[in-house]
């Protein structure tokens, strides 16, 4: 008989459980596997039947929001989804081109502050001396980049921007937290400006600066309606 699988979101992705005893999750017999939000299976217990392994891969390669909101309908699963909304957790908030991963920097009463896990491209901050409000990178984020989100997601975005120096120091106090998770040796822009120079985060996580015309990484932050994840 095929093993029935229970699964639930956690801060890394999805945990899989043996639920043949029909009690979930407190009665789960055995922890079987874990898959990340990038759909990478990072652990599967040795010796499992092939059909169980196949089912784990099948669920893990599916669309995460379908798993969270359509298949996991019991009260505990809904609470588990809400439990993902914690500072430091990584969650998906997708555009028309696929899965985008974001780090939760802050959870407020009605909104969540997210930071893209990686840069979304490289661009000059501006063609000439300018403030953040007049910059080319702000225009790109609030028009072209935002327009890549479907209407249902776009209406949940309250603001999209680059972090300031003070926000980086507040939400990412250590250099290790600021380094791009994919290990890409890349500077990324902040929105704090001074004359022809703009603050940056270096590949080593240190806050520095560069000329506005330099082509550096664009790592967007966004304020999203909290209801988008409930």
N, C-alpha and C. Protein backbone atom coordinates (compact mmCIF):
# COMPACT_ATOMS: atom_id res chain seq x y z
N UNK A 1 0.85 -1.18 0.00
CA UNK A 1 0.00 0.00 0.00
C UNK A 1 0.89 1.25 0.00
N UNK A 2 0.49 2.24 -0.75
CA UNK A 2 1.29 3.46 -0.86
C UNK A 2 1.27 4.22 0.46
N UNK A 3 2.44 4.69 0.88
CA UNK A 3 2.52 5.44 2.12
C UNK A 3 1.88 6.81 1.95
N UNK A 4 0.97 7.16 2.87
CA UNK A 4 0.34 8.48 2.82
C UNK A 4 1.31 9.50 3.39
N UNK A 5 1.46 10.61 2.69
CA UNK A 5 2.39 11.64 3.13
C UNK A 5 1.65 12.84 3.69
N UNK A 6 2.12 13.30 4.83
CA UNK A 6 1.71 14.61 5.32
C UNK A 6 2.81 15.58 5.00
N UNK A 7 2.49 16.84 4.83
CA UNK A 7 3.53 17.83 4.57
C UNK A 7 3.08 19.17 5.11
N UNK A 8 4.07 19.98 5.51
CA UNK A 8 3.77 21.28 6.11
C UNK A 8 4.92 22.24 5.81
N UNK A 9 4.62 23.53 5.67
CA UNK A 9 5.68 24.50 5.44
C UNK A 9 6.45 24.78 6.73
N UNK A 10 7.73 25.04 6.58
CA UNK A 10 8.51 25.57 7.70
C UNK A 10 9.39 26.69 7.14
N UNK A 11 10.36 27.15 7.89
CA UNK A 11 11.16 28.30 7.45
C UNK A 11 12.02 27.97 6.23
N UNK A 12 12.27 26.69 5.97
CA UNK A 12 13.13 26.32 4.85
C UNK A 12 12.33 25.91 3.61
N UNK A 13 11.18 25.32 3.81
CA UNK A 13 10.42 24.83 2.68
C UNK A 13 9.28 23.96 3.12
N UNK A 14 9.36 22.66 2.85
CA UNK A 14 8.30 21.73 3.21
C UNK A 14 8.90 20.52 3.91
N UNK A 15 8.27 20.11 5.01
CA UNK A 15 8.62 18.87 5.68
C UNK A 15 7.63 17.79 5.26
N UNK A 16 8.12 16.58 5.08
CA UNK A 16 7.26 15.46 4.71
C UNK A 16 7.23 14.44 5.84
N UNK A 17 6.02 13.89 6.09
CA UNK A 17 5.83 12.98 7.20
C UNK A 17 5.07 11.73 6.75
N UNK A 18 5.31 10.64 7.42
CA UNK A 18 4.50 9.43 7.28
C UNK A 18 3.22 9.65 8.07
N UNK A 19 2.05 9.61 7.42
CA UNK A 19 0.81 9.85 8.15
C UNK A 19 -0.19 8.71 7.97
N UNK A 20 0.32 7.49 7.91
CA UNK A 20 -0.55 6.33 7.76
C UNK A 20 -1.48 6.14 8.95
N UNK A 21 -1.07 6.70 10.10
CA UNK A 21 -1.93 6.56 11.28
C UNK A 21 -3.04 7.60 11.31
N UNK A 22 -3.12 8.44 10.25
CA UNK A 22 -4.19 9.44 10.10
C UNK A 22 -4.21 10.49 11.21
N UNK A 23 -3.11 10.66 11.89
CA UNK A 23 -2.98 11.72 12.88
C UNK A 23 -1.87 12.66 12.44
N UNK A 24 -2.20 13.94 12.32
CA UNK A 24 -1.23 14.87 11.75
C UNK A 24 -1.33 16.22 12.42
N UNK A 25 -0.22 16.85 12.83
CA UNK A 25 1.13 16.31 12.72
C UNK A 25 1.61 15.61 13.98
N UNK A 26 0.85 15.78 15.09
CA UNK A 26 1.35 15.26 16.37
C UNK A 26 1.50 13.75 16.36
N UNK A 27 0.70 13.07 15.54
CA UNK A 27 0.78 11.61 15.49
C UNK A 27 1.62 11.09 14.36
N UNK A 28 2.35 11.97 13.69
CA UNK A 28 3.16 11.53 12.56
C UNK A 28 4.20 10.51 13.02
N UNK A 29 4.29 9.42 12.27
CA UNK A 29 5.18 8.34 12.70
C UNK A 29 6.66 8.68 12.50
N UNK A 30 6.96 9.32 11.40
CA UNK A 30 8.37 9.44 11.05
C UNK A 30 8.60 10.68 10.19
N UNK A 31 9.70 11.37 10.45
CA UNK A 31 10.13 12.48 9.60
C UNK A 31 10.84 11.89 8.39
N UNK A 32 10.35 12.17 7.16
CA UNK A 32 10.86 11.50 5.98
C UNK A 32 11.82 12.34 5.15
N UNK A 33 11.49 13.63 4.97
CA UNK A 33 12.28 14.42 4.03
C UNK A 33 12.04 15.90 4.25
N UNK A 34 12.89 16.71 3.64
CA UNK A 34 12.67 18.16 3.62
C UNK A 34 13.10 18.69 2.26
N UNK A 35 12.29 19.61 1.74
CA UNK A 35 12.59 20.26 0.46
C UNK A 35 12.57 21.76 0.67
N UNK A 36 13.46 22.48 0.01
CA UNK A 36 13.52 23.93 0.18
C UNK A 36 12.56 24.62 -0.77
N UNK A 37 12.40 25.94 -0.58
CA UNK A 37 11.53 26.71 -1.45
C UNK A 37 12.06 26.79 -2.87
N UNK A 38 13.32 26.44 -3.08
CA UNK A 38 13.87 26.41 -4.44
C UNK A 38 13.64 25.05 -5.08
N UNK A 39 12.86 24.22 -4.42
CA UNK A 39 12.48 22.88 -4.91
C UNK A 39 13.65 21.89 -4.89
N UNK A 40 14.66 22.20 -4.13
CA UNK A 40 15.79 21.28 -3.98
C UNK A 40 15.50 20.34 -2.82
N UNK A 41 15.54 19.04 -3.06
CA UNK A 41 15.38 18.06 -1.99
C UNK A 41 16.71 17.96 -1.25
N UNK A 42 16.73 18.39 0.01
CA UNK A 42 18.01 18.39 0.73
C UNK A 42 18.14 17.20 1.67
N UNK A 43 17.04 16.48 1.88
CA UNK A 43 17.13 15.29 2.73
C UNK A 43 15.98 14.35 2.40
N UNK A 44 16.28 13.09 2.15
CA UNK A 44 15.28 12.02 2.08
C UNK A 44 15.84 10.84 2.84
N UNK A 45 15.05 10.34 3.76
CA UNK A 45 15.52 9.21 4.57
C UNK A 45 15.84 8.00 3.70
N UNK A 46 16.96 7.36 3.98
CA UNK A 46 17.39 6.20 3.21
C UNK A 46 16.45 5.02 3.43
N UNK A 47 16.29 4.22 2.39
CA UNK A 47 15.52 2.99 2.51
C UNK A 47 14.03 3.14 2.26
N UNK A 48 13.57 4.35 1.87
CA UNK A 48 12.15 4.53 1.61
C UNK A 48 11.77 3.84 0.30
N UNK A 49 10.52 3.33 0.20
CA UNK A 49 10.06 2.73 -1.06
C UNK A 49 10.09 3.76 -2.18
N UNK A 50 10.30 3.28 -3.40
CA UNK A 50 10.41 4.17 -4.55
C UNK A 50 9.17 5.04 -4.72
N UNK A 51 7.98 4.48 -4.46
CA UNK A 51 6.77 5.26 -4.65
C UNK A 51 6.67 6.42 -3.67
N UNK A 52 7.26 6.25 -2.47
CA UNK A 52 7.28 7.33 -1.49
C UNK A 52 8.22 8.43 -1.96
N UNK A 53 9.41 8.05 -2.41
CA UNK A 53 10.38 9.02 -2.91
C UNK A 53 9.79 9.78 -4.10
N UNK A 54 9.12 9.06 -5.00
CA UNK A 54 8.50 9.68 -6.17
C UNK A 54 7.44 10.69 -5.75
N UNK A 55 6.66 10.34 -4.72
CA UNK A 55 5.61 11.25 -4.27
C UNK A 55 6.22 12.50 -3.64
N UNK A 56 7.30 12.35 -2.89
CA UNK A 56 7.98 13.51 -2.31
C UNK A 56 8.46 14.44 -3.42
N UNK A 57 9.09 13.88 -4.44
CA UNK A 57 9.56 14.70 -5.55
C UNK A 57 8.40 15.35 -6.28
N UNK A 58 7.30 14.64 -6.42
CA UNK A 58 6.13 15.17 -7.12
C UNK A 58 5.56 16.39 -6.40
N UNK A 59 5.41 16.28 -5.08
CA UNK A 59 4.87 17.40 -4.30
C UNK A 59 5.86 18.55 -4.29
N UNK A 60 7.14 18.25 -4.09
CA UNK A 60 8.15 19.30 -3.97
C UNK A 60 8.34 20.07 -5.27
N UNK A 61 8.07 19.44 -6.42
CA UNK A 61 8.26 20.13 -7.69
C UNK A 61 7.02 20.88 -8.12
N UNK A 62 5.95 20.79 -7.32
CA UNK A 62 4.72 21.49 -7.65
C UNK A 62 4.77 22.96 -7.30
N UNK A 63 3.68 23.67 -7.56
CA UNK A 63 3.62 25.10 -7.26
C UNK A 63 3.34 25.28 -5.77
N UNK A 64 4.25 25.98 -5.07
CA UNK A 64 4.20 26.03 -3.61
C UNK A 64 2.90 26.60 -3.09
N UNK A 65 2.37 27.64 -3.72
CA UNK A 65 1.15 28.25 -3.20
C UNK A 65 -0.04 27.31 -3.35
N UNK A 66 -0.01 26.47 -4.40
CA UNK A 66 -1.06 25.46 -4.55
C UNK A 66 -1.02 24.49 -3.37
N UNK A 67 0.20 24.12 -2.99
CA UNK A 67 0.36 23.22 -1.85
C UNK A 67 -0.17 23.87 -0.57
N UNK A 68 0.25 25.13 -0.34
CA UNK A 68 -0.12 25.79 0.89
C UNK A 68 -1.62 26.06 0.99
N UNK A 69 -2.22 26.56 -0.10
CA UNK A 69 -3.56 27.12 0.02
C UNK A 69 -4.67 26.23 -0.53
N UNK A 70 -4.33 25.28 -1.42
CA UNK A 70 -5.39 24.46 -1.99
C UNK A 70 -5.45 23.06 -1.38
N UNK A 71 -4.29 22.46 -1.20
CA UNK A 71 -4.28 21.09 -0.72
C UNK A 71 -4.27 21.00 0.81
N UNK A 72 -3.60 21.94 1.46
CA UNK A 72 -3.50 21.88 2.92
C UNK A 72 -4.64 22.71 3.51
N UNK A 73 -5.78 22.08 3.70
CA UNK A 73 -6.98 22.82 4.08
C UNK A 73 -7.34 22.72 5.56
N UNK A 74 -6.69 21.83 6.31
CA UNK A 74 -7.06 21.70 7.71
C UNK A 74 -6.56 22.89 8.52
N UNK A 75 -7.12 23.09 9.69
CA UNK A 75 -6.82 24.26 10.50
C UNK A 75 -5.35 24.35 10.86
N UNK A 76 -4.75 23.22 11.19
CA UNK A 76 -3.34 23.26 11.57
C UNK A 76 -2.49 23.74 10.42
N UNK A 77 -2.78 23.29 9.19
CA UNK A 77 -1.99 23.69 8.04
C UNK A 77 -2.11 25.19 7.77
N UNK A 78 -3.31 25.75 7.96
CA UNK A 78 -3.47 27.18 7.77
C UNK A 78 -2.62 27.94 8.79
N UNK A 79 -2.61 27.46 10.01
CA UNK A 79 -1.79 28.10 11.04
C UNK A 79 -0.31 27.97 10.72
N UNK A 80 0.08 26.84 10.12
CA UNK A 80 1.48 26.65 9.75
C UNK A 80 1.89 27.63 8.67
N UNK A 81 0.99 27.90 7.71
CA UNK A 81 1.30 28.87 6.67
C UNK A 81 1.49 30.24 7.26
N UNK A 82 0.61 30.61 8.20
CA UNK A 82 0.74 31.90 8.86
C UNK A 82 2.06 31.96 9.63
N UNK A 83 2.47 30.81 10.18
CA UNK A 83 3.71 30.75 10.94
C UNK A 83 4.95 31.02 10.11
N UNK A 84 4.83 30.95 8.77
CA UNK A 84 5.98 31.25 7.92
C UNK A 84 6.34 32.72 7.98
N UNK A 85 5.37 33.57 8.39
CA UNK A 85 5.58 35.00 8.34
C UNK A 85 6.33 35.45 9.59
N UNK A 86 7.63 35.19 9.59
CA UNK A 86 8.50 35.58 10.69
C UNK A 86 9.75 36.23 10.13
N UNK A 87 10.31 37.15 10.88
CA UNK A 87 11.55 37.80 10.45
C UNK A 87 12.62 36.76 10.16
N UNK A 88 13.29 36.94 9.06
CA UNK A 88 14.38 36.04 8.70
C UNK A 88 13.97 34.90 7.80
N UNK A 89 12.68 34.56 7.76
CA UNK A 89 12.22 33.48 6.90
C UNK A 89 12.28 33.88 5.43
N UNK A 90 12.36 32.88 4.57
CA UNK A 90 12.38 33.09 3.13
C UNK A 90 11.05 32.62 2.55
N UNK A 91 10.39 33.48 1.78
CA UNK A 91 9.10 33.12 1.20
C UNK A 91 9.08 33.48 -0.28
N UNK A 92 8.13 32.88 -0.99
CA UNK A 92 7.97 33.16 -2.42
C UNK A 92 6.92 34.24 -2.63
N UNK A 93 7.21 35.15 -3.53
CA UNK A 93 6.23 36.14 -4.00
C UNK A 93 6.54 36.33 -5.48
N UNK A 94 5.77 35.69 -6.33
CA UNK A 94 6.16 35.47 -7.72
C UNK A 94 5.66 36.54 -8.68
N UNK A 95 6.40 36.70 -9.79
CA UNK A 95 5.91 37.55 -10.86
C UNK A 95 5.51 36.69 -12.05
N UNK A 96 5.29 37.29 -13.20
CA UNK A 96 4.81 36.55 -14.37
C UNK A 96 5.83 35.56 -14.93
N UNK A 97 7.09 35.71 -14.52
CA UNK A 97 8.15 34.88 -15.09
C UNK A 97 8.58 33.73 -14.17
N UNK A 98 7.94 33.61 -13.02
CA UNK A 98 8.27 32.47 -12.17
C UNK A 98 8.48 32.85 -10.72
N UNK A 99 9.20 31.97 -10.04
CA UNK A 99 9.35 32.04 -8.60
C UNK A 99 10.41 33.06 -8.18
N UNK A 100 10.03 33.99 -7.32
CA UNK A 100 10.96 34.95 -6.74
C UNK A 100 11.00 34.73 -5.24
N UNK A 101 12.20 34.65 -4.70
CA UNK A 101 12.35 34.40 -3.28
C UNK A 101 12.74 35.69 -2.56
N UNK A 102 12.11 35.91 -1.40
CA UNK A 102 12.28 37.14 -0.63
C UNK A 102 12.57 36.81 0.83
N UNK A 103 13.42 37.62 1.46
CA UNK A 103 13.68 37.49 2.89
C UNK A 103 12.77 38.46 3.65
N UNK A 104 12.15 37.97 4.70
CA UNK A 104 11.30 38.83 5.53
C UNK A 104 12.19 39.63 6.47
N UNK A 105 12.17 40.96 6.31
CA UNK A 105 12.96 41.84 7.17
C UNK A 105 12.16 42.34 8.36
N UNK A 106 10.86 42.53 8.17
CA UNK A 106 10.04 43.08 9.26
C UNK A 106 8.59 42.67 9.03
N UNK A 107 7.89 42.38 10.12
CA UNK A 107 6.47 42.05 10.08
C UNK A 107 5.73 43.11 10.89
N UNK A 108 4.88 43.86 10.21
CA UNK A 108 4.14 44.95 10.85
C UNK A 108 2.68 44.58 10.96
N UNK A 109 1.88 45.49 11.48
CA UNK A 109 0.47 45.17 11.72
C UNK A 109 -0.26 44.77 10.44
N UNK A 110 -0.06 45.54 9.36
CA UNK A 110 -0.79 45.29 8.13
C UNK A 110 0.08 45.01 6.93
N UNK A 111 1.40 45.01 7.11
CA UNK A 111 2.27 44.84 5.97
C UNK A 111 3.56 44.13 6.36
N UNK A 112 4.24 43.61 5.35
CA UNK A 112 5.48 42.87 5.55
C UNK A 112 6.56 43.51 4.69
N UNK A 113 7.72 43.74 5.26
CA UNK A 113 8.85 44.27 4.52
C UNK A 113 9.70 43.11 4.02
N UNK A 114 9.85 43.04 2.69
CA UNK A 114 10.59 41.96 2.06
C UNK A 114 11.81 42.51 1.33
N UNK A 115 12.86 41.70 1.27
CA UNK A 115 14.05 42.03 0.49
C UNK A 115 14.32 40.87 -0.45
N UNK A 116 14.52 41.17 -1.72
CA UNK A 116 14.84 40.12 -2.68
C UNK A 116 16.07 39.34 -2.22
N UNK A 117 16.01 38.02 -2.33
CA UNK A 117 17.15 37.21 -1.91
C UNK A 117 18.39 37.51 -2.75
N UNK A 118 18.19 37.87 -4.00
CA UNK A 118 19.31 38.14 -4.89
C UNK A 118 19.05 39.41 -5.69
N UNK A 119 20.04 39.85 -6.41
CA UNK A 119 19.84 40.99 -7.28
C UNK A 119 18.97 40.56 -8.46
N UNK A 120 18.25 41.51 -9.04
CA UNK A 120 17.40 41.19 -10.20
C UNK A 120 18.03 41.69 -11.50
N UNK A 121 19.24 42.19 -11.41
CA UNK A 121 19.96 42.69 -12.57
C UNK A 121 20.96 43.74 -12.15
N UNK A 122 21.67 44.29 -13.12
CA UNK A 122 22.63 45.36 -12.86
C UNK A 122 22.24 46.59 -13.67
N UNK A 123 22.43 47.76 -13.07
CA UNK A 123 22.07 49.01 -13.75
C UNK A 123 22.76 50.17 -13.05
N UNK A 124 22.96 51.27 -13.75
CA UNK A 124 23.43 52.48 -13.07
C UNK A 124 22.32 53.02 -12.18
N UNK A 125 22.70 53.69 -11.12
CA UNK A 125 21.71 54.30 -10.25
C UNK A 125 20.98 55.41 -11.00
N UNK A 126 21.74 56.18 -11.76
CA UNK A 126 21.19 57.27 -12.54
C UNK A 126 22.21 57.68 -13.59
N UNK A 127 21.78 58.41 -14.58
CA UNK A 127 22.70 58.89 -15.60
C UNK A 127 23.44 60.14 -15.16
N UNK A 128 22.92 60.79 -14.14
CA UNK A 128 23.55 62.02 -13.66
C UNK A 128 23.26 62.19 -12.18
N UNK A 129 23.82 63.23 -11.58
CA UNK A 129 23.59 63.50 -10.18
C UNK A 129 22.10 63.64 -9.90
N UNK A 130 21.59 62.86 -8.97
CA UNK A 130 20.15 62.92 -8.70
C UNK A 130 19.85 62.30 -7.35
N UNK A 131 18.67 62.58 -6.88
CA UNK A 131 18.18 61.96 -5.66
C UNK A 131 17.54 60.62 -6.00
N UNK A 132 17.21 59.88 -4.97
CA UNK A 132 16.50 58.61 -5.18
C UNK A 132 15.21 58.83 -5.96
N UNK A 133 14.45 59.84 -5.60
CA UNK A 133 13.17 60.07 -6.26
C UNK A 133 13.32 60.35 -7.75
N UNK A 134 14.47 60.86 -8.18
CA UNK A 134 14.69 61.19 -9.59
C UNK A 134 15.53 60.14 -10.31
N UNK A 135 15.88 59.07 -9.61
CA UNK A 135 16.83 58.11 -10.17
C UNK A 135 16.19 57.19 -11.21
N UNK A 136 17.04 56.72 -12.11
CA UNK A 136 16.59 55.77 -13.12
C UNK A 136 16.23 54.43 -12.52
N UNK A 137 16.93 54.02 -11.46
CA UNK A 137 16.64 52.72 -10.86
C UNK A 137 15.28 52.71 -10.17
N UNK A 138 14.88 53.84 -9.58
CA UNK A 138 13.54 53.92 -9.00
C UNK A 138 12.48 53.83 -10.08
N UNK A 139 12.70 54.52 -11.19
CA UNK A 139 11.76 54.47 -12.30
C UNK A 139 11.61 53.04 -12.81
N UNK A 140 12.73 52.34 -12.93
CA UNK A 140 12.71 50.95 -13.39
C UNK A 140 11.89 50.06 -12.44
N UNK A 141 12.16 50.17 -11.14
CA UNK A 141 11.48 49.31 -10.17
C UNK A 141 9.98 49.57 -10.12
N UNK A 142 9.59 50.83 -10.18
CA UNK A 142 8.18 51.18 -10.01
C UNK A 142 7.37 51.09 -11.30
N UNK A 143 8.04 50.83 -12.41
CA UNK A 143 7.31 50.71 -13.68
C UNK A 143 7.59 49.34 -14.31
N UNK A 144 8.71 49.18 -14.96
CA UNK A 144 9.01 47.95 -15.70
C UNK A 144 9.02 46.73 -14.80
N UNK A 145 9.75 46.81 -13.68
CA UNK A 145 9.85 45.64 -12.79
C UNK A 145 8.50 45.31 -12.16
N UNK A 146 7.81 46.30 -11.64
CA UNK A 146 6.52 46.07 -11.00
C UNK A 146 5.48 45.58 -11.99
N UNK A 147 5.57 46.03 -13.24
CA UNK A 147 4.60 45.62 -14.25
C UNK A 147 4.74 44.14 -14.62
N UNK A 148 5.85 43.51 -14.23
CA UNK A 148 6.02 42.08 -14.48
C UNK A 148 5.22 41.21 -13.51
N UNK A 149 4.61 41.82 -12.50
CA UNK A 149 3.78 41.06 -11.57
C UNK A 149 2.35 41.00 -12.09
N UNK A 150 1.66 39.87 -11.89
CA UNK A 150 0.26 39.80 -12.31
C UNK A 150 -0.58 40.78 -11.49
N UNK A 151 -1.72 41.22 -12.02
CA UNK A 151 -2.55 42.21 -11.32
C UNK A 151 -2.87 41.83 -9.88
N UNK A 152 -3.14 40.54 -9.62
CA UNK A 152 -3.51 40.12 -8.27
C UNK A 152 -2.37 40.32 -7.28
N UNK A 153 -1.12 40.21 -7.76
CA UNK A 153 0.04 40.43 -6.90
C UNK A 153 0.39 41.92 -6.84
N UNK A 154 0.27 42.57 -7.97
CA UNK A 154 0.63 43.99 -8.06
C UNK A 154 -0.19 44.83 -7.09
N UNK A 155 -1.47 44.49 -6.94
CA UNK A 155 -2.32 45.27 -6.04
C UNK A 155 -1.98 45.05 -4.58
N UNK A 156 -1.21 44.00 -4.29
CA UNK A 156 -0.79 43.73 -2.91
C UNK A 156 0.51 44.45 -2.54
N UNK A 157 1.19 45.01 -3.54
CA UNK A 157 2.44 45.72 -3.31
C UNK A 157 2.14 47.17 -2.93
N UNK A 158 2.52 47.54 -1.72
CA UNK A 158 2.28 48.91 -1.24
C UNK A 158 3.38 49.88 -1.67
N UNK A 159 4.60 49.35 -1.81
CA UNK A 159 5.72 50.19 -2.23
C UNK A 159 6.85 49.27 -2.66
N UNK A 160 7.69 49.76 -3.56
CA UNK A 160 8.87 49.01 -3.97
C UNK A 160 10.02 50.00 -4.09
N UNK A 161 11.20 49.63 -3.58
CA UNK A 161 12.28 50.61 -3.43
C UNK A 161 13.59 49.89 -3.15
N UNK A 162 14.65 50.65 -2.95
CA UNK A 162 15.91 50.13 -2.44
C UNK A 162 16.01 50.48 -0.97
N UNK A 163 16.70 49.65 -0.21
CA UNK A 163 16.90 49.94 1.20
C UNK A 163 17.81 51.16 1.37
N UNK A 164 17.65 51.84 2.50
CA UNK A 164 18.55 52.93 2.87
C UNK A 164 19.66 52.37 3.76
N UNK A 165 20.67 53.17 4.02
CA UNK A 165 21.74 52.77 4.92
C UNK A 165 21.18 52.43 6.30
N UNK A 166 20.31 53.29 6.81
CA UNK A 166 19.77 53.06 8.16
C UNK A 166 18.93 51.79 8.21
N UNK A 167 18.22 51.47 7.15
CA UNK A 167 17.42 50.24 7.12
C UNK A 167 18.30 49.00 7.08
N UNK A 168 19.38 49.05 6.31
CA UNK A 168 20.31 47.93 6.28
C UNK A 168 20.92 47.72 7.67
N UNK A 169 21.33 48.80 8.31
CA UNK A 169 21.94 48.68 9.64
C UNK A 169 20.94 48.17 10.67
N UNK A 170 19.67 48.49 10.49
CA UNK A 170 18.63 48.06 11.42
C UNK A 170 18.25 46.60 11.21
N UNK A 171 17.99 46.22 9.96
CA UNK A 171 17.44 44.89 9.68
C UNK A 171 18.51 43.85 9.35
N UNK A 172 19.71 44.30 8.98
CA UNK A 172 20.80 43.39 8.63
C UNK A 172 22.07 43.90 9.32
N UNK A 173 22.12 43.80 10.63
CA UNK A 173 23.22 44.45 11.37
C UNK A 173 24.60 43.85 11.14
N UNK A 174 24.69 42.62 10.67
CA UNK A 174 26.01 42.01 10.45
C UNK A 174 26.32 41.94 8.96
N UNK A 175 27.61 41.98 8.64
CA UNK A 175 28.01 41.89 7.24
C UNK A 175 27.59 40.56 6.61
N UNK A 176 27.59 39.50 7.39
CA UNK A 176 27.22 38.18 6.88
C UNK A 176 25.78 38.18 6.36
N UNK A 177 24.89 38.89 7.04
CA UNK A 177 23.49 38.94 6.62
C UNK A 177 23.30 39.68 5.30
N UNK A 178 24.26 40.53 4.94
CA UNK A 178 24.12 41.37 3.75
C UNK A 178 24.71 40.73 2.50
N UNK A 179 25.51 39.69 2.66
CA UNK A 179 26.14 39.03 1.52
C UNK A 179 25.08 38.27 0.73
N UNK A 180 25.13 38.37 -0.59
CA UNK A 180 24.16 37.67 -1.42
C UNK A 180 24.25 36.17 -1.17
N UNK A 181 23.10 35.50 -0.98
CA UNK A 181 23.11 34.08 -0.60
C UNK A 181 23.67 33.16 -1.67
N UNK A 182 23.65 33.58 -2.93
CA UNK A 182 24.21 32.72 -3.98
C UNK A 182 25.72 32.87 -4.12
N UNK A 183 26.31 33.68 -3.25
CA UNK A 183 27.76 33.85 -3.26
C UNK A 183 28.28 34.73 -4.39
N UNK A 184 27.38 35.38 -5.13
CA UNK A 184 27.79 36.24 -6.22
C UNK A 184 28.58 37.43 -5.68
N UNK A 185 29.82 37.63 -6.14
CA UNK A 185 30.63 38.76 -5.65
C UNK A 185 30.17 40.06 -6.30
N UNK A 186 29.15 40.65 -5.76
CA UNK A 186 28.52 41.78 -6.42
C UNK A 186 28.13 42.86 -5.42
N UNK A 187 28.43 44.11 -5.75
CA UNK A 187 27.92 45.24 -5.00
C UNK A 187 26.46 45.46 -5.34
N UNK A 188 25.67 45.93 -4.37
CA UNK A 188 24.28 46.28 -4.70
C UNK A 188 23.93 47.64 -4.11
N UNK A 189 23.10 48.36 -4.87
CA UNK A 189 22.75 49.74 -4.53
C UNK A 189 21.87 49.85 -3.29
N UNK A 190 22.08 50.94 -2.54
CA UNK A 190 21.12 51.42 -1.55
C UNK A 190 20.54 52.72 -2.10
N UNK A 191 19.58 53.31 -1.43
CA UNK A 191 18.98 54.54 -1.98
C UNK A 191 19.51 55.83 -1.33
N UNK A 192 20.41 55.69 -0.34
CA UNK A 192 20.99 56.86 0.32
C UNK A 192 22.02 57.51 -0.60
N UNK A 193 21.81 58.79 -0.90
CA UNK A 193 22.68 59.48 -1.85
C UNK A 193 23.39 60.67 -1.20
N UNK A 194 24.53 61.03 -1.81
CA UNK A 194 25.27 62.22 -1.40
C UNK A 194 26.02 62.72 -2.62
N UNK A 195 25.49 63.78 -3.23
CA UNK A 195 26.13 64.31 -4.42
C UNK A 195 26.12 63.31 -5.55
N UNK A 196 27.31 63.07 -6.13
CA UNK A 196 27.42 62.13 -7.23
C UNK A 196 27.65 60.70 -6.75
N UNK A 197 27.59 60.49 -5.46
CA UNK A 197 27.82 59.16 -4.91
C UNK A 197 26.56 58.60 -4.23
N UNK A 198 26.47 57.28 -4.28
CA UNK A 198 25.33 56.57 -3.69
C UNK A 198 25.86 55.45 -2.81
N UNK A 199 25.22 55.20 -1.69
CA UNK A 199 25.64 54.13 -0.79
C UNK A 199 25.42 52.76 -1.44
N UNK A 200 26.30 51.85 -1.12
CA UNK A 200 26.23 50.48 -1.65
C UNK A 200 26.54 49.49 -0.54
N UNK A 201 26.21 48.23 -0.79
CA UNK A 201 26.67 47.12 0.04
C UNK A 201 27.64 46.32 -0.81
N UNK A 202 28.85 46.14 -0.32
CA UNK A 202 29.87 45.43 -1.08
C UNK A 202 29.70 43.93 -1.03
N UNK A 203 30.49 43.24 -1.84
CA UNK A 203 30.44 41.78 -1.88
C UNK A 203 30.78 41.17 -0.52
N UNK A 204 31.51 41.93 0.31
CA UNK A 204 31.89 41.47 1.64
C UNK A 204 30.87 41.87 2.71
N UNK A 205 29.80 42.55 2.29
CA UNK A 205 28.76 42.96 3.24
C UNK A 205 28.98 44.31 3.88
N UNK A 206 30.10 44.95 3.57
CA UNK A 206 30.39 46.26 4.15
C UNK A 206 29.65 47.36 3.38
N UNK A 207 29.19 48.37 4.10
CA UNK A 207 28.54 49.52 3.47
C UNK A 207 29.61 50.47 2.94
N UNK A 208 29.45 50.83 1.66
CA UNK A 208 30.43 51.69 1.01
C UNK A 208 29.67 52.65 0.11
N UNK A 209 30.24 53.04 -1.00
CA UNK A 209 29.58 53.94 -1.93
C UNK A 209 30.21 53.87 -3.29
N UNK A 210 29.50 54.42 -4.30
CA UNK A 210 30.04 54.43 -5.65
C UNK A 210 29.40 55.56 -6.43
N UNK A 211 29.94 55.84 -7.61
CA UNK A 211 29.40 56.89 -8.45
C UNK A 211 28.05 56.46 -9.04
N UNK A 212 27.18 57.44 -9.29
CA UNK A 212 25.82 57.12 -9.73
C UNK A 212 25.79 56.38 -11.05
N UNK A 213 26.81 56.54 -11.88
CA UNK A 213 26.80 55.92 -13.20
C UNK A 213 27.33 54.49 -13.21
N UNK A 214 27.84 54.01 -12.08
CA UNK A 214 28.35 52.64 -12.02
C UNK A 214 27.21 51.63 -12.22
N UNK A 215 27.51 50.53 -12.89
CA UNK A 215 26.50 49.48 -13.09
C UNK A 215 26.65 48.45 -11.98
N UNK A 216 25.75 48.53 -11.01
CA UNK A 216 25.81 47.66 -9.84
C UNK A 216 24.50 46.89 -9.69
N UNK A 217 24.49 45.97 -8.74
CA UNK A 217 23.32 45.13 -8.54
C UNK A 217 22.12 45.90 -8.01
N UNK A 218 20.95 45.52 -8.51
CA UNK A 218 19.68 46.08 -8.04
C UNK A 218 18.99 45.00 -7.22
N UNK A 219 18.84 45.28 -5.92
CA UNK A 219 18.23 44.31 -5.00
C UNK A 219 17.00 44.97 -4.37
N UNK A 220 15.82 44.77 -4.96
CA UNK A 220 14.64 45.50 -4.50
C UNK A 220 14.13 45.05 -3.13
N UNK A 221 13.55 46.01 -2.44
CA UNK A 221 12.77 45.74 -1.23
C UNK A 221 11.34 46.14 -1.53
N UNK A 222 10.40 45.53 -0.84
CA UNK A 222 9.00 45.87 -1.09
C UNK A 222 8.18 45.73 0.18
N UNK A 223 7.18 46.57 0.29
CA UNK A 223 6.18 46.45 1.34
C UNK A 223 4.96 45.78 0.73
N UNK A 224 4.57 44.65 1.29
CA UNK A 224 3.46 43.86 0.75
C UNK A 224 2.37 43.75 1.79
N UNK A 225 1.14 43.82 1.34
CA UNK A 225 -0.01 43.64 2.22
C UNK A 225 0.09 42.30 2.93
N UNK A 226 -0.02 42.29 4.22
CA UNK A 226 0.11 41.06 5.01
C UNK A 226 -0.92 40.00 4.60
N UNK A 227 -2.08 40.44 4.12
CA UNK A 227 -3.14 39.51 3.72
C UNK A 227 -2.72 38.62 2.56
N UNK A 228 -1.68 39.03 1.82
CA UNK A 228 -1.22 38.23 0.68
C UNK A 228 -0.70 36.87 1.11
N UNK A 229 -0.34 36.72 2.39
CA UNK A 229 0.25 35.47 2.86
C UNK A 229 -0.61 34.77 3.91
N UNK A 230 -1.83 35.25 4.13
CA UNK A 230 -2.71 34.64 5.13
C UNK A 230 -3.79 33.83 4.46
